[in-house]
Protein backbone atom coordinates (compact mmCIF):
# COMPACT_ATOMS: atom_id res chain seq x y z
CA MET A 1 38.71 119.18 6.30
CA TYR A 2 39.87 116.84 3.59
CA ARG A 3 36.45 115.22 3.08
CA THR A 4 32.84 115.35 4.15
CA HIS A 5 32.11 111.83 2.91
CA THR A 6 33.99 108.76 1.77
CA CYS A 7 33.93 107.51 -1.82
CA GLY A 8 31.62 104.64 -0.91
CA GLU A 9 28.72 106.22 0.96
CA LEU A 10 26.90 108.76 -1.24
CA THR A 11 23.50 107.68 -2.62
CA ILE A 12 20.57 109.25 -4.42
CA SER A 13 19.36 110.54 -1.04
CA ASN A 14 22.35 112.95 -1.11
CA LYS A 15 21.26 114.50 -4.42
CA GLY A 16 21.85 118.26 -4.47
CA GLU A 17 24.27 118.27 -1.52
CA LYS A 18 27.62 120.06 -1.64
CA VAL A 19 30.33 117.51 -0.72
CA THR A 20 34.10 117.17 -0.50
CA LEU A 21 35.82 113.88 -1.33
CA SER A 22 39.47 112.79 -1.23
CA GLY A 23 41.08 109.72 -2.75
CA TRP A 24 43.10 108.21 -5.59
CA VAL A 25 42.39 108.52 -9.30
CA GLN A 26 41.33 105.03 -10.37
CA ARG A 27 40.80 105.80 -14.08
CA SER A 28 39.86 108.65 -16.40
CA ARG A 29 37.62 108.62 -19.49
CA GLU A 30 37.02 111.35 -22.07
CA PHE A 31 33.86 111.62 -24.19
CA GLY A 32 33.75 114.69 -26.38
CA GLY A 33 33.68 117.67 -24.08
CA MET A 34 33.14 115.57 -20.95
CA THR A 35 35.74 114.00 -18.65
CA PHE A 36 34.78 111.28 -16.17
CA ILE A 37 37.11 110.25 -13.34
CA ASP A 38 36.60 107.37 -10.91
CA LEU A 39 37.82 108.46 -7.47
CA ARG A 40 38.73 105.61 -5.12
CA ASP A 41 39.36 105.25 -1.41
CA ARG A 42 39.15 102.30 0.96
CA TYR A 43 35.37 102.51 1.05
CA GLY A 44 34.51 102.52 -2.64
CA ILE A 45 34.44 104.47 -5.90
CA THR A 46 32.56 107.64 -6.86
CA GLN A 47 32.33 109.04 -10.39
CA LEU A 48 33.43 112.65 -10.90
CA VAL A 49 32.20 114.74 -13.86
CA PHE A 50 33.98 117.68 -15.57
CA ASN A 51 32.34 119.60 -18.42
CA MET A 52 34.47 121.46 -21.00
CA GLU A 53 31.54 123.75 -21.94
CA THR A 54 30.83 124.98 -18.40
CA ASP A 55 34.43 125.17 -17.12
CA ALA A 56 37.11 124.53 -19.73
CA ALA A 57 40.00 125.32 -17.36
CA LEU A 58 38.78 122.87 -14.71
CA CYS A 59 38.16 120.19 -17.33
CA GLY A 60 41.66 120.70 -18.69
CA GLU A 61 43.04 120.38 -15.18
CA ALA A 62 41.13 117.09 -14.74
CA ARG A 63 42.59 115.74 -17.98
CA GLY A 64 46.05 116.30 -16.54
CA LEU A 65 45.40 114.00 -13.57
CA GLY A 66 47.28 110.71 -13.80
CA ARG A 67 46.42 107.31 -12.38
CA GLU A 68 46.92 107.12 -8.60
CA PHE A 69 47.18 110.89 -8.15
CA VAL A 70 45.85 111.80 -4.72
CA VAL A 71 43.21 114.52 -5.12
CA GLN A 72 40.56 116.45 -3.22
CA VAL A 73 37.41 117.58 -5.01
CA THR A 74 34.41 119.67 -4.05
CA GLY A 75 31.17 119.53 -5.98
CA THR A 76 27.46 118.77 -6.06
CA VAL A 77 25.85 115.32 -5.93
CA ALA A 78 23.76 114.67 -9.05
CA GLU A 79 21.76 111.74 -10.36
CA ARG A 80 23.58 109.71 -13.01
CA SER A 81 21.92 109.29 -16.39
CA ASN A 82 23.75 105.99 -17.04
CA LYS A 83 23.55 104.28 -13.65
CA ASN A 84 25.93 101.51 -12.61
CA PRO A 85 24.12 98.85 -10.54
CA LYS A 86 27.43 97.17 -9.70
CA LEU A 87 28.49 100.09 -7.49
CA PRO A 88 26.83 101.19 -4.22
CA THR A 89 27.39 104.75 -5.50
CA GLY A 90 26.25 103.86 -9.01
CA ASP A 91 23.13 106.05 -8.93
CA ILE A 92 25.02 109.31 -8.45
CA GLU A 93 28.00 111.34 -9.65
CA ILE A 94 29.73 114.53 -8.50
CA ILE A 95 29.59 117.66 -10.66
CA VAL A 96 33.00 119.02 -9.68
CA ASP A 97 33.56 122.69 -8.80
CA THR A 98 37.18 122.52 -7.59
CA VAL A 99 39.98 119.99 -7.65
CA THR A 100 43.19 120.06 -5.60
CA VAL A 101 46.12 117.74 -6.24
CA LEU A 102 47.31 116.54 -2.83
CA ASN A 103 50.06 114.39 -4.33
CA THR A 104 51.19 113.16 -7.72
CA SER A 105 52.09 109.58 -8.55
CA ASP A 106 54.49 107.78 -10.83
CA ILE A 107 52.87 105.44 -13.33
CA PRO A 108 52.16 102.24 -11.33
CA PRO A 109 54.09 99.12 -12.44
CA PHE A 110 50.79 97.27 -12.91
CA THR A 111 47.15 98.21 -13.25
CA ILE A 112 45.41 98.59 -9.91
CA GLU A 113 42.27 96.77 -11.02
CA GLU A 114 40.51 93.59 -9.98
CA ASN A 115 41.89 91.84 -13.07
CA THR A 116 45.39 93.26 -12.89
CA ASP A 117 48.19 92.69 -15.40
CA GLY A 118 50.74 92.28 -12.60
CA GLY A 119 52.27 88.89 -11.86
CA ASP A 120 52.66 87.51 -8.31
CA GLU A 121 56.29 88.53 -7.83
CA LEU A 122 55.72 92.05 -9.18
CA ARG A 123 52.67 92.57 -6.99
CA MET A 124 54.60 91.29 -3.95
CA LYS A 125 57.41 93.78 -4.66
CA TYR A 126 54.86 96.61 -4.71
CA ARG A 127 52.52 95.11 -2.15
CA TYR A 128 51.45 98.54 -0.88
CA LEU A 129 49.99 99.15 -4.35
CA ASP A 130 48.48 95.67 -4.59
CA LEU A 131 46.68 96.37 -1.30
CA ARG A 132 44.83 99.22 -3.03
CA ARG A 133 43.00 96.69 -5.21
CA GLN A 134 39.46 96.04 -4.03
CA VAL A 135 39.82 92.26 -4.11
CA VAL A 136 42.92 92.33 -1.87
CA ARG A 137 41.46 94.97 0.43
CA SER A 138 38.35 92.83 0.83
CA ASN A 139 40.57 89.97 2.01
CA MET A 140 42.07 92.23 4.68
CA VAL A 141 38.60 93.31 5.79
CA LEU A 142 37.56 89.65 6.01
CA ARG A 143 40.61 88.94 8.17
CA HIS A 144 39.73 91.89 10.41
CA ARG A 145 36.16 90.64 10.84
CA MET A 146 37.38 87.12 11.65
CA ALA A 147 39.66 88.50 14.37
CA GLN A 148 36.97 90.72 15.87
CA GLU A 149 34.33 87.99 15.88
CA THR A 150 36.80 85.54 17.42
CA ARG A 151 37.47 87.95 20.26
CA ARG A 152 33.77 88.66 20.68
CA TYR A 153 32.86 84.97 20.97
CA LEU A 154 35.72 83.97 23.27
CA ASP A 155 35.20 86.97 25.54
CA GLY A 156 31.57 85.90 25.85
CA GLN A 157 32.75 82.44 26.88
CA GLY A 158 34.90 83.80 29.71
CA PHE A 159 38.30 83.62 27.98
CA ILE A 160 41.04 86.13 28.86
CA GLU A 161 43.42 87.36 26.14
CA VAL A 162 47.00 87.13 27.44
CA GLU A 163 50.19 87.93 25.51
CA THR A 164 53.07 85.45 25.81
CA PRO A 165 56.79 86.04 25.08
CA VAL A 166 58.23 86.18 21.56
CA LEU A 167 61.82 85.48 22.66
CA ILE A 168 61.72 82.00 24.17
CA LYS A 169 63.78 78.82 24.56
CA SER A 170 64.57 76.50 21.65
CA THR A 171 63.05 73.02 22.03
CA PRO A 172 63.90 69.79 20.18
CA GLU A 173 60.39 68.81 19.04
CA GLY A 174 58.37 70.09 16.10
CA ALA A 175 59.65 72.07 13.10
CA ARG A 176 62.98 73.87 12.87
CA ASP A 177 63.22 76.96 15.10
CA PHE A 178 64.16 80.46 14.06
CA ILE A 179 66.91 81.38 16.51
CA VAL A 180 67.92 84.84 17.74
CA PRO A 181 71.43 85.49 19.13
CA SER A 182 71.79 87.29 22.44
CA ARG A 183 74.29 90.15 22.63
CA LEU A 184 74.19 90.28 26.43
CA HIS A 185 74.75 86.52 26.76
CA ASN A 186 77.41 85.77 24.18
CA GLY A 187 77.06 82.34 22.54
CA GLU A 188 73.48 81.89 23.74
CA PHE A 189 70.30 82.12 21.73
CA TYR A 190 66.61 82.74 21.99
CA ALA A 191 64.10 81.04 19.69
CA LEU A 192 60.98 82.51 18.14
CA PRO A 193 57.91 80.54 19.26
CA GLN A 194 56.47 77.85 17.01
CA SER A 195 53.46 78.17 19.30
CA PRO A 196 52.87 79.42 22.87
CA GLN A 197 52.29 75.81 23.98
CA THR A 198 54.23 75.71 27.24
CA PHE A 199 53.21 79.23 28.24
CA LYS A 200 49.50 78.55 27.89
CA GLN A 201 49.93 75.45 30.04
CA LEU A 202 51.73 77.58 32.63
CA LEU A 203 48.78 79.98 32.56
CA MET A 204 46.55 77.04 33.47
CA VAL A 205 48.88 76.21 36.37
CA ALA A 206 48.56 79.89 37.32
CA GLY A 207 44.78 79.47 37.58
CA PHE A 208 43.72 81.62 34.61
CA ASP A 209 41.22 78.88 33.65
CA ARG A 210 40.43 80.14 30.13
CA TYR A 211 43.09 81.79 27.95
CA PHE A 212 43.26 82.82 24.30
CA GLN A 213 45.54 84.82 22.07
CA ILE A 214 45.64 85.73 18.37
CA VAL A 215 49.38 85.29 18.13
CA LYS A 216 52.27 85.31 15.67
CA CYS A 217 54.18 82.01 15.42
CA PHE A 218 57.33 81.09 13.50
CA ARG A 219 58.54 77.88 11.83
CA ASP A 220 61.62 77.56 9.65
CA GLU A 221 60.26 75.03 7.17
CA ASP A 222 59.75 74.67 3.44
CA LEU A 223 56.83 76.70 2.15
CA ARG A 224 53.69 75.90 0.16
CA ALA A 225 50.37 77.62 -0.56
CA ASP A 226 49.10 77.31 3.02
CA ARG A 227 52.42 77.93 4.82
CA GLN A 228 54.46 81.02 5.68
CA PRO A 229 57.56 81.28 7.89
CA GLU A 230 55.53 83.55 10.17
CA PHE A 231 51.86 82.80 10.62
CA THR A 232 49.03 83.55 13.01
CA GLN A 233 47.21 81.22 15.39
CA ILE A 234 44.08 81.49 17.48
CA ASP A 235 45.64 79.88 20.52
CA CYS A 236 43.37 78.67 23.34
CA GLU A 237 43.51 76.70 26.58
CA MET A 238 40.95 75.66 29.23
CA SER A 239 41.16 74.12 32.71
CA PHE A 240 39.03 71.37 34.25
CA VAL A 241 37.85 70.05 30.90
CA HIS A 242 37.46 66.74 29.11
CA GLN A 243 37.73 66.37 25.34
CA ASP A 244 34.00 66.90 24.76
CA ASP A 245 34.12 70.22 26.65
CA VAL A 246 36.85 71.52 24.34
CA LEU A 247 35.16 70.29 21.16
CA ASP A 248 31.79 71.74 22.12
CA THR A 249 33.30 75.13 22.99
CA PHE A 250 35.28 75.50 19.78
CA GLU A 251 32.62 74.01 17.58
CA GLY A 252 30.67 76.95 18.97
CA LEU A 253 33.44 79.29 17.79
CA ALA A 254 33.31 77.77 14.30
CA ARG A 255 29.54 78.14 14.13
CA HIS A 256 29.77 81.75 15.34
CA LEU A 257 32.38 82.68 12.73
CA PHE A 258 30.52 81.07 9.85
CA GLN A 259 27.28 82.74 10.87
CA ALA A 260 28.71 86.19 11.66
CA VAL A 261 31.15 86.41 8.75
CA ARG A 262 29.48 84.38 6.00
CA GLY A 263 25.87 84.06 7.14
CA ILE A 264 26.13 80.26 7.06
CA GLY A 265 24.56 77.94 9.62
CA PHE A 266 24.96 74.20 10.20
CA GLU A 267 22.37 71.66 11.29
CA GLY A 268 23.33 69.15 13.97
CA LYS A 269 26.73 68.57 15.52
CA PHE A 270 29.86 68.40 13.41
CA PRO A 271 30.72 64.77 12.55
CA ARG A 272 33.45 63.18 14.70
CA ILE A 273 35.57 60.59 12.88
CA PRO A 274 38.35 58.56 14.54
CA TYR A 275 41.76 58.82 12.88
CA ASP A 276 41.80 55.15 11.85
CA GLU A 277 38.44 55.51 10.10
CA ALA A 278 39.52 58.71 8.36
CA MET A 279 42.62 57.01 7.01
CA SER A 280 40.86 53.81 5.89
CA ARG A 281 37.89 55.59 4.24
CA TYR A 282 39.51 58.76 2.88
CA GLY A 283 43.25 58.03 2.80
CA THR A 284 44.04 61.11 4.89
CA ASP A 285 43.63 62.48 8.41
CA LYS A 286 42.07 65.65 6.96
CA PRO A 287 39.22 64.31 4.83
CA ASP A 288 37.08 66.35 2.48
CA ILE A 289 33.57 65.09 3.25
CA ARG A 290 31.74 67.26 0.73
CA PHE A 291 31.46 64.11 -1.37
CA GLY A 292 31.57 60.34 -0.89
CA MET A 293 33.75 58.11 -3.08
CA TYR A 294 35.07 56.15 -0.11
CA ILE A 295 38.12 53.88 -0.23
CA THR A 296 37.37 50.16 0.05
CA ASP A 297 39.84 47.53 1.25
CA ILE A 298 39.68 44.73 -1.35
CA THR A 299 42.91 42.98 -0.33
CA LYS A 300 41.43 39.56 0.41
CA ALA A 301 39.17 39.49 -2.65
CA ALA A 302 41.94 40.69 -4.97
CA ARG A 303 44.46 38.03 -3.94
CA GLY A 304 44.65 34.40 -5.01
CA LYS A 305 44.18 35.13 -8.71
CA ASP A 306 47.87 35.27 -9.70
CA PHE A 307 47.57 38.91 -10.77
CA PRO A 308 51.16 40.12 -10.12
CA PRO A 309 50.45 43.73 -8.96
CA PHE A 310 47.98 42.49 -6.32
CA GLU A 311 49.24 39.09 -5.33
CA GLU A 312 52.11 40.04 -3.03
CA ALA A 313 50.94 43.53 -2.04
CA PRO A 314 50.31 44.10 1.68
CA TYR A 315 47.23 46.15 0.80
CA VAL A 316 44.89 46.59 -2.17
CA GLY A 317 42.37 49.43 -2.15
CA ALA A 318 39.79 50.79 -4.57
CA ILE A 319 37.51 53.76 -5.13
CA CYS A 320 34.39 53.99 -7.27
CA ALA A 321 34.06 57.01 -9.58
CA SER A 322 30.32 57.25 -10.13
CA GLY A 323 29.22 57.81 -13.73
CA CYS A 324 32.76 57.73 -15.10
CA ALA A 325 32.68 54.45 -17.05
CA GLY A 326 32.67 56.50 -20.24
CA TRP A 327 36.00 58.13 -19.51
CA SER A 328 38.49 57.66 -22.31
CA ARG A 329 41.73 55.76 -22.06
CA LYS A 330 43.51 59.12 -22.27
CA GLN A 331 41.66 60.38 -19.20
CA ILE A 332 42.54 57.23 -17.25
CA ASP A 333 46.18 57.52 -18.37
CA GLU A 334 46.19 61.09 -17.01
CA LEU A 335 45.05 59.77 -13.63
CA THR A 336 47.77 57.11 -13.76
CA GLU A 337 50.40 59.77 -14.36
CA PHE A 338 48.87 61.84 -11.55
CA VAL A 339 49.39 59.11 -8.94
CA ARG A 340 52.87 58.35 -10.28
CA ARG A 341 54.09 61.86 -9.49
CA PRO A 342 57.01 61.83 -7.01
CA GLN A 343 54.99 63.51 -4.26
CA ILE A 344 52.47 60.62 -4.41
CA GLY A 345 54.73 57.79 -5.57
CA ALA A 346 52.24 55.12 -6.65
CA LYS A 347 53.34 52.56 -9.25
CA GLY A 348 50.13 52.73 -11.25
CA LEU A 349 46.38 52.14 -11.49
CA VAL A 350 44.19 49.19 -12.40
CA TRP A 351 40.75 50.08 -13.71
CA ALA A 352 37.46 48.29 -14.31
CA ARG A 353 34.24 49.58 -15.93
CA VAL A 354 30.75 48.46 -15.02
CA GLU A 355 28.79 48.25 -18.27
CA GLU A 356 25.10 49.08 -18.61
CA ASP A 357 24.22 45.35 -18.57
CA GLY A 358 26.08 44.89 -15.26
CA THR A 359 29.12 43.11 -16.69
CA VAL A 360 32.55 44.38 -15.70
CA LYS A 361 35.37 45.03 -18.17
CA SER A 362 38.99 45.39 -17.10
CA PRO A 363 42.51 44.88 -18.48
CA ALA A 364 42.89 42.39 -15.62
CA ASP A 365 40.03 40.15 -16.82
CA LYS A 366 42.49 37.44 -17.91
CA TYR A 367 43.19 36.89 -14.20
CA TYR A 368 39.71 37.54 -12.80
CA SER A 369 36.54 35.79 -13.85
CA ALA A 370 33.35 37.68 -14.64
CA ASP A 371 32.02 36.73 -11.20
CA ASP A 372 35.25 37.91 -9.53
CA LEU A 373 34.96 41.32 -11.18
CA VAL A 374 31.27 41.64 -10.30
CA ASN A 375 32.14 40.78 -6.70
CA LEU A 376 34.78 43.57 -6.62
CA ALA A 377 32.19 45.96 -8.02
CA LEU A 378 29.72 45.00 -5.30
CA MET A 379 32.38 45.56 -2.62
CA THR A 380 33.10 49.10 -3.82
CA GLY A 381 29.43 49.93 -4.47
CA ALA A 382 30.06 50.30 -8.22
CA ASP A 383 26.95 50.14 -10.40
CA ALA A 384 26.22 50.41 -14.11
CA GLY A 385 28.12 53.36 -15.60
CA ASP A 386 30.70 53.51 -12.78
CA LEU A 387 34.47 53.23 -12.93
CA MET A 388 36.56 51.35 -10.36
CA LEU A 389 40.16 52.45 -9.77
CA MET A 390 42.44 50.12 -7.79
CA MET A 391 45.95 50.43 -6.34
CA ALA A 392 48.23 48.14 -4.37
CA GLY A 393 51.29 48.48 -2.16
CA PRO A 394 52.23 49.25 1.46
CA ARG A 395 49.02 50.15 3.30
CA GLU A 396 49.79 53.69 4.46
CA LYS A 397 51.42 54.76 1.19
CA THR A 398 48.62 53.23 -0.91
CA LEU A 399 45.90 54.82 1.22
CA ASN A 400 47.61 58.18 0.81
CA ALA A 401 47.74 57.72 -2.97
CA LEU A 402 44.08 56.69 -3.11
CA GLY A 403 43.21 59.72 -0.99
CA GLU A 404 45.00 62.05 -3.43
CA LEU A 405 43.31 60.29 -6.36
CA ARG A 406 39.93 60.70 -4.69
CA LEU A 407 40.47 64.45 -4.32
CA GLU A 408 41.63 64.79 -7.93
CA ILE A 409 38.59 62.96 -9.28
CA GLY A 410 36.37 65.03 -6.99
CA ARG A 411 37.92 68.16 -8.47
CA ARG A 412 37.40 66.95 -12.05
CA LEU A 413 33.78 66.06 -11.34
CA GLY A 414 33.08 69.44 -9.70
CA LEU A 415 32.35 67.85 -6.32
CA ARG A 416 34.65 70.22 -4.38
CA ASP A 417 32.43 73.30 -4.41
CA ASP A 418 34.09 76.25 -2.64
CA SER A 419 30.67 77.63 -1.68
CA VAL A 420 29.94 74.48 0.37
CA TYR A 421 31.53 74.01 3.81
CA ALA A 422 31.79 70.60 5.47
CA PRO A 423 33.49 70.77 8.90
CA LEU A 424 34.28 67.72 11.03
CA TRP A 425 36.42 66.64 13.96
CA VAL A 426 39.08 63.94 13.57
CA THR A 427 39.81 62.29 16.93
CA ASP A 428 41.82 59.47 18.52
CA PHE A 429 45.14 60.06 16.75
CA PRO A 430 48.13 57.84 17.47
CA LEU A 431 50.13 59.33 20.31
CA LEU A 432 53.48 58.50 18.70
CA GLU A 433 54.99 57.84 15.29
CA TRP A 434 58.16 55.83 14.63
CA ASP A 435 61.00 57.20 12.52
CA ASP A 436 63.19 54.52 10.93
CA GLU A 437 65.97 56.95 10.11
CA THR A 438 66.56 58.06 13.71
CA GLY A 439 65.33 54.84 15.30
CA ARG A 440 63.04 56.53 17.81
CA TYR A 441 59.48 57.65 18.46
CA TYR A 442 58.27 61.20 17.91
CA ALA A 443 55.12 62.80 19.25
CA LYS A 444 52.38 62.81 16.61
CA HIS A 445 51.24 66.23 17.87
CA HIS A 446 53.63 67.43 20.61
CA PRO A 447 55.17 65.92 23.75
CA PHE A 448 52.56 67.44 26.10
CA THR A 449 49.62 65.54 24.57
CA ALA A 450 47.93 63.19 27.03
CA PRO A 451 47.51 59.50 26.17
CA LYS A 452 44.04 58.01 26.28
CA PRO A 453 43.63 56.80 29.89
CA GLU A 454 42.64 53.32 28.71
CA ASP A 455 45.90 53.03 26.72
CA MET A 456 48.28 54.05 29.51
CA LYS A 457 49.09 50.41 30.21
CA TYR A 458 50.83 50.15 26.82
CA MET A 459 53.08 53.21 27.18
CA GLU A 460 56.24 51.28 28.08
CA SER A 461 55.58 47.86 26.56
CA GLU A 462 53.72 48.62 23.29
CA PRO A 463 53.79 52.38 22.72
CA TRP A 464 52.55 52.06 19.09
CA ARG A 465 49.16 50.99 20.48
CA VAL A 466 48.62 54.18 22.46
CA HIS A 467 46.05 56.66 21.20
CA ALA A 468 46.26 60.37 21.98
CA ASN A 469 43.57 62.44 23.64
CA ALA A 470 43.86 64.67 20.58
CA TYR A 471 41.61 66.17 17.94
CA ASP A 472 41.72 68.25 14.74
CA LEU A 473 39.10 70.49 13.17
CA VAL A 474 39.03 69.88 9.41
CA ILE A 475 37.10 71.94 6.85
CA ASN A 476 36.92 70.92 3.18
CA GLY A 477 40.05 68.80 3.35
CA THR A 478 42.14 71.41 5.20
CA GLU A 479 43.27 71.08 8.80
CA ILE A 480 42.09 74.30 10.41
CA GLY A 481 43.14 73.55 13.98
CA GLY A 482 44.45 70.90 16.28
CA GLY A 483 44.68 70.34 19.99
CA SER A 484 44.59 67.87 22.82
CA ILE A 485 43.98 67.25 26.47
CA ARG A 486 47.37 67.86 28.05
CA ILE A 487 49.48 65.87 30.43
CA HIS A 488 49.12 67.66 33.76
CA ASP A 489 51.22 65.57 36.15
CA SER A 490 55.01 65.24 36.32
CA GLU A 491 55.02 61.44 36.40
CA THR A 492 53.15 61.00 33.11
CA GLN A 493 55.13 63.83 31.49
CA SER A 494 58.41 62.22 32.50
CA LEU A 495 57.20 58.89 31.10
CA MET A 496 56.37 60.61 27.82
CA PHE A 497 59.83 62.16 27.63
CA ARG A 498 61.46 58.75 28.27
CA THR A 499 59.36 57.19 25.52
CA LEU A 500 60.55 59.93 23.16
CA GLY A 501 64.15 59.06 23.99
CA LEU A 502 64.92 62.06 26.18
CA THR A 503 67.08 61.43 29.23
CA GLU A 504 66.02 62.88 32.56
CA GLU A 505 68.79 65.46 32.21
CA GLU A 506 67.69 66.45 28.68
CA ALA A 507 64.06 66.72 29.73
CA GLN A 508 65.02 68.86 32.71
CA GLN A 509 67.24 71.07 30.56
CA GLN A 510 64.58 71.63 27.91
CA PHE A 511 61.36 71.58 29.92
CA GLY A 512 62.41 71.80 33.56
CA PHE A 513 60.34 74.95 34.08
CA LEU A 514 57.18 73.08 33.03
CA LEU A 515 57.95 69.93 35.00
CA ASN A 516 58.64 72.06 38.07
CA ALA A 517 55.36 73.92 37.59
CA PHE A 518 53.45 70.63 37.53
CA ARG A 519 54.67 70.04 41.10
CA TYR A 520 52.52 72.93 42.31
CA GLY A 521 49.00 71.75 41.65
CA ALA A 522 48.52 71.76 37.88
CA PRO A 523 44.82 71.35 36.99
CA PRO A 524 43.55 69.00 34.26
CA HIS A 525 43.58 71.11 31.10
CA GLY A 526 43.38 71.03 27.35
CA GLY A 527 43.15 73.33 24.39
CA ILE A 528 43.47 73.92 20.70
CA ALA A 529 45.23 76.18 18.20
CA PHE A 530 43.66 77.24 14.92
CA GLY A 531 45.55 78.37 11.83
CA PHE A 532 44.04 81.83 11.57
CA ASP A 533 45.49 82.49 8.09
CA ARG A 534 44.18 79.16 6.76
CA TRP A 535 40.75 79.64 8.28
CA THR A 536 40.47 83.12 6.79
CA ALA A 537 41.54 81.81 3.36
CA ILE A 538 38.90 79.07 3.56
CA MET A 539 36.28 81.70 4.42
CA GLY A 540 37.47 83.70 1.41
CA GLY A 541 37.25 80.74 -0.97
CA SER A 542 41.00 80.57 -1.59
CA ASP A 543 43.63 77.84 -1.26
CA THR A 544 46.52 80.22 -0.57
CA ILE A 545 47.03 82.13 2.66
CA ARG A 546 49.25 84.78 1.05
CA ASP A 547 46.17 86.55 -0.30
CA PHE A 548 45.00 87.11 3.28
CA ILE A 549 48.25 88.39 4.82
CA ALA A 550 49.03 92.08 4.40
CA PHE A 551 52.77 91.64 3.77
CA PRO A 552 53.53 87.96 3.01
CA LYS A 553 56.77 86.25 2.03
CA ASN A 554 57.16 84.49 -1.32
CA ASN A 555 57.75 80.75 -1.81
CA GLN A 556 61.44 81.20 -1.02
CA ALA A 557 60.57 82.83 2.34
CA ARG A 558 61.75 86.19 0.99
CA ASP A 559 60.03 89.55 1.34
CA VAL A 560 60.78 91.04 -2.08
CA MET A 561 59.25 94.37 -1.10
CA ILE A 562 61.77 95.21 1.64
CA ASP A 563 64.38 92.74 0.27
CA THR A 564 64.85 90.51 3.27
CA PRO A 565 66.49 88.31 4.50
CA SER A 566 69.59 90.41 3.93
CA THR A 567 73.14 90.68 5.18
CA VAL A 568 74.05 92.74 8.23
CA LYS A 569 77.16 94.75 9.04
CA LYS A 570 80.23 92.97 10.35
CA GLN A 571 80.09 95.18 13.45
CA GLN A 572 76.71 93.69 14.37
CA LEU A 573 78.04 90.16 13.91
CA ASP A 574 81.12 90.95 16.00
CA GLU A 575 78.95 92.27 18.84
CA LEU A 576 77.06 88.96 18.79
CA GLY A 577 80.18 86.83 18.50
CA ILE A 578 78.98 85.35 15.20
CA GLU A 579 81.09 84.40 12.20
CA ILE A 580 79.45 83.55 8.88
CA LYS A 581 80.45 80.14 7.51
CA LYS A 582 79.89 79.61 3.80
CA SER A 583 77.34 76.88 3.18
CA GLY A 584 78.81 75.63 -0.08
CA LYS A 585 75.52 76.46 -1.82
CA GLY A 586 76.50 79.89 -3.01
CA GLY A 587 75.35 81.44 0.27
């Protein structure tokens, strides 16, 4: 056998035992006539000892072992004189009798240590080496535990795991599809699923009642820290449920995962905040509620004073940074530049300090009296030692900018503690959103989301007033999952398609299979899909999902390890009836 034990399990209770270990050489150290080698496998590290005085040949052999050599050793467990409390095996070492080289290794392109000298791109190119690092391996173990606990909880709730197709039909809503040409049906294409949405609804029509799947999904969109072209969802659907049934069930999943994986419990139900309140108080539909610093609408109080930035603005909002009145002008200028960045697009900031005597100082005090400024302070809850920051402009854009500013100040003040988790539900989203460029409505979530029953009367006359029977789970300012109660009858689904500008023929062409299924007794149903990669990253205290995916793509959607995407042979293209057209971008 290659080993009697792993490199992470021997303790002082094994003292005196003869053992065999196998693994990789982590590092080697020489002290006089002694050689110490750290042997590593997936389970941990064990120190090996070679003594020049007792076995010079063996010690010489040990000194010839390079980093990442794969070796097998046999020896006796002994108590260490210099114990290492940071290692589970830190009380013992192995006095080696024999060593066998199972495989040699080239010198790795970076050090395989927790604090490696390898940059992101280099580590992605040699990802199989990066995965040997304890910190990365721990992320994979965390992901494994999340998946297993998810299955355990949902199985206990009566859910059935069902696989759905990977080659499906391209649909016009949502992000851009990845398409796959068909050789057997020349000129026709499959699409990779952005989600199993229609299939899980069909499973409800089929009477499966409770479905889930930990499933790969694909979206051809620009990348960022929490996006990959292929990602994983916990996809779920339930029949005969109202919104509260879904929220209670999956709040239970969240509680189970936090308790089982992180040992964290929550008191009381998760807060439920309507979309409109989330936007007006936090400037975003995914609020971070670990801290306050709410946005206040001061439009009416700020107008009528002939202050140009505020006078004609549709909306004026403010936040109060508690205890920040002492911030320097340089610090405030940094915040001004922050909100002026193109991705935020604000024109600037107006500030006001509340002094210790209660008076308020501001560059705008030539337009506002002392009483006016005190009144603004009272509206925002600012007290002595606080700093008010105000912005003006179109309401939605200004709220978004204030929301980003709030998060930045929270970061600078240390209020966004990664060890604290603050989950909540955001509910009552708009059903539709208008796009000026195309001159039509789009579904805020997807076209199968049910309208609130009380808003159905506005669907044809005033569709902007309709709220969706939809909900998102948000944790620490990140949307972890979203779902809705679905439309389950053909009439309402057809109305939704008309509102989205789809003709009856287009709707039938794209979604005829679903509309036809609804004719055969579709039950009321609803569900949710969680971003499994994002949720795992949150659990691991990271803001990037790449650290929790075994073989991720880089920010250009390229796998630099296997060098893909790549060209294919002309013969393959000919079989598919495809001709490459130059894009004009060097492609």
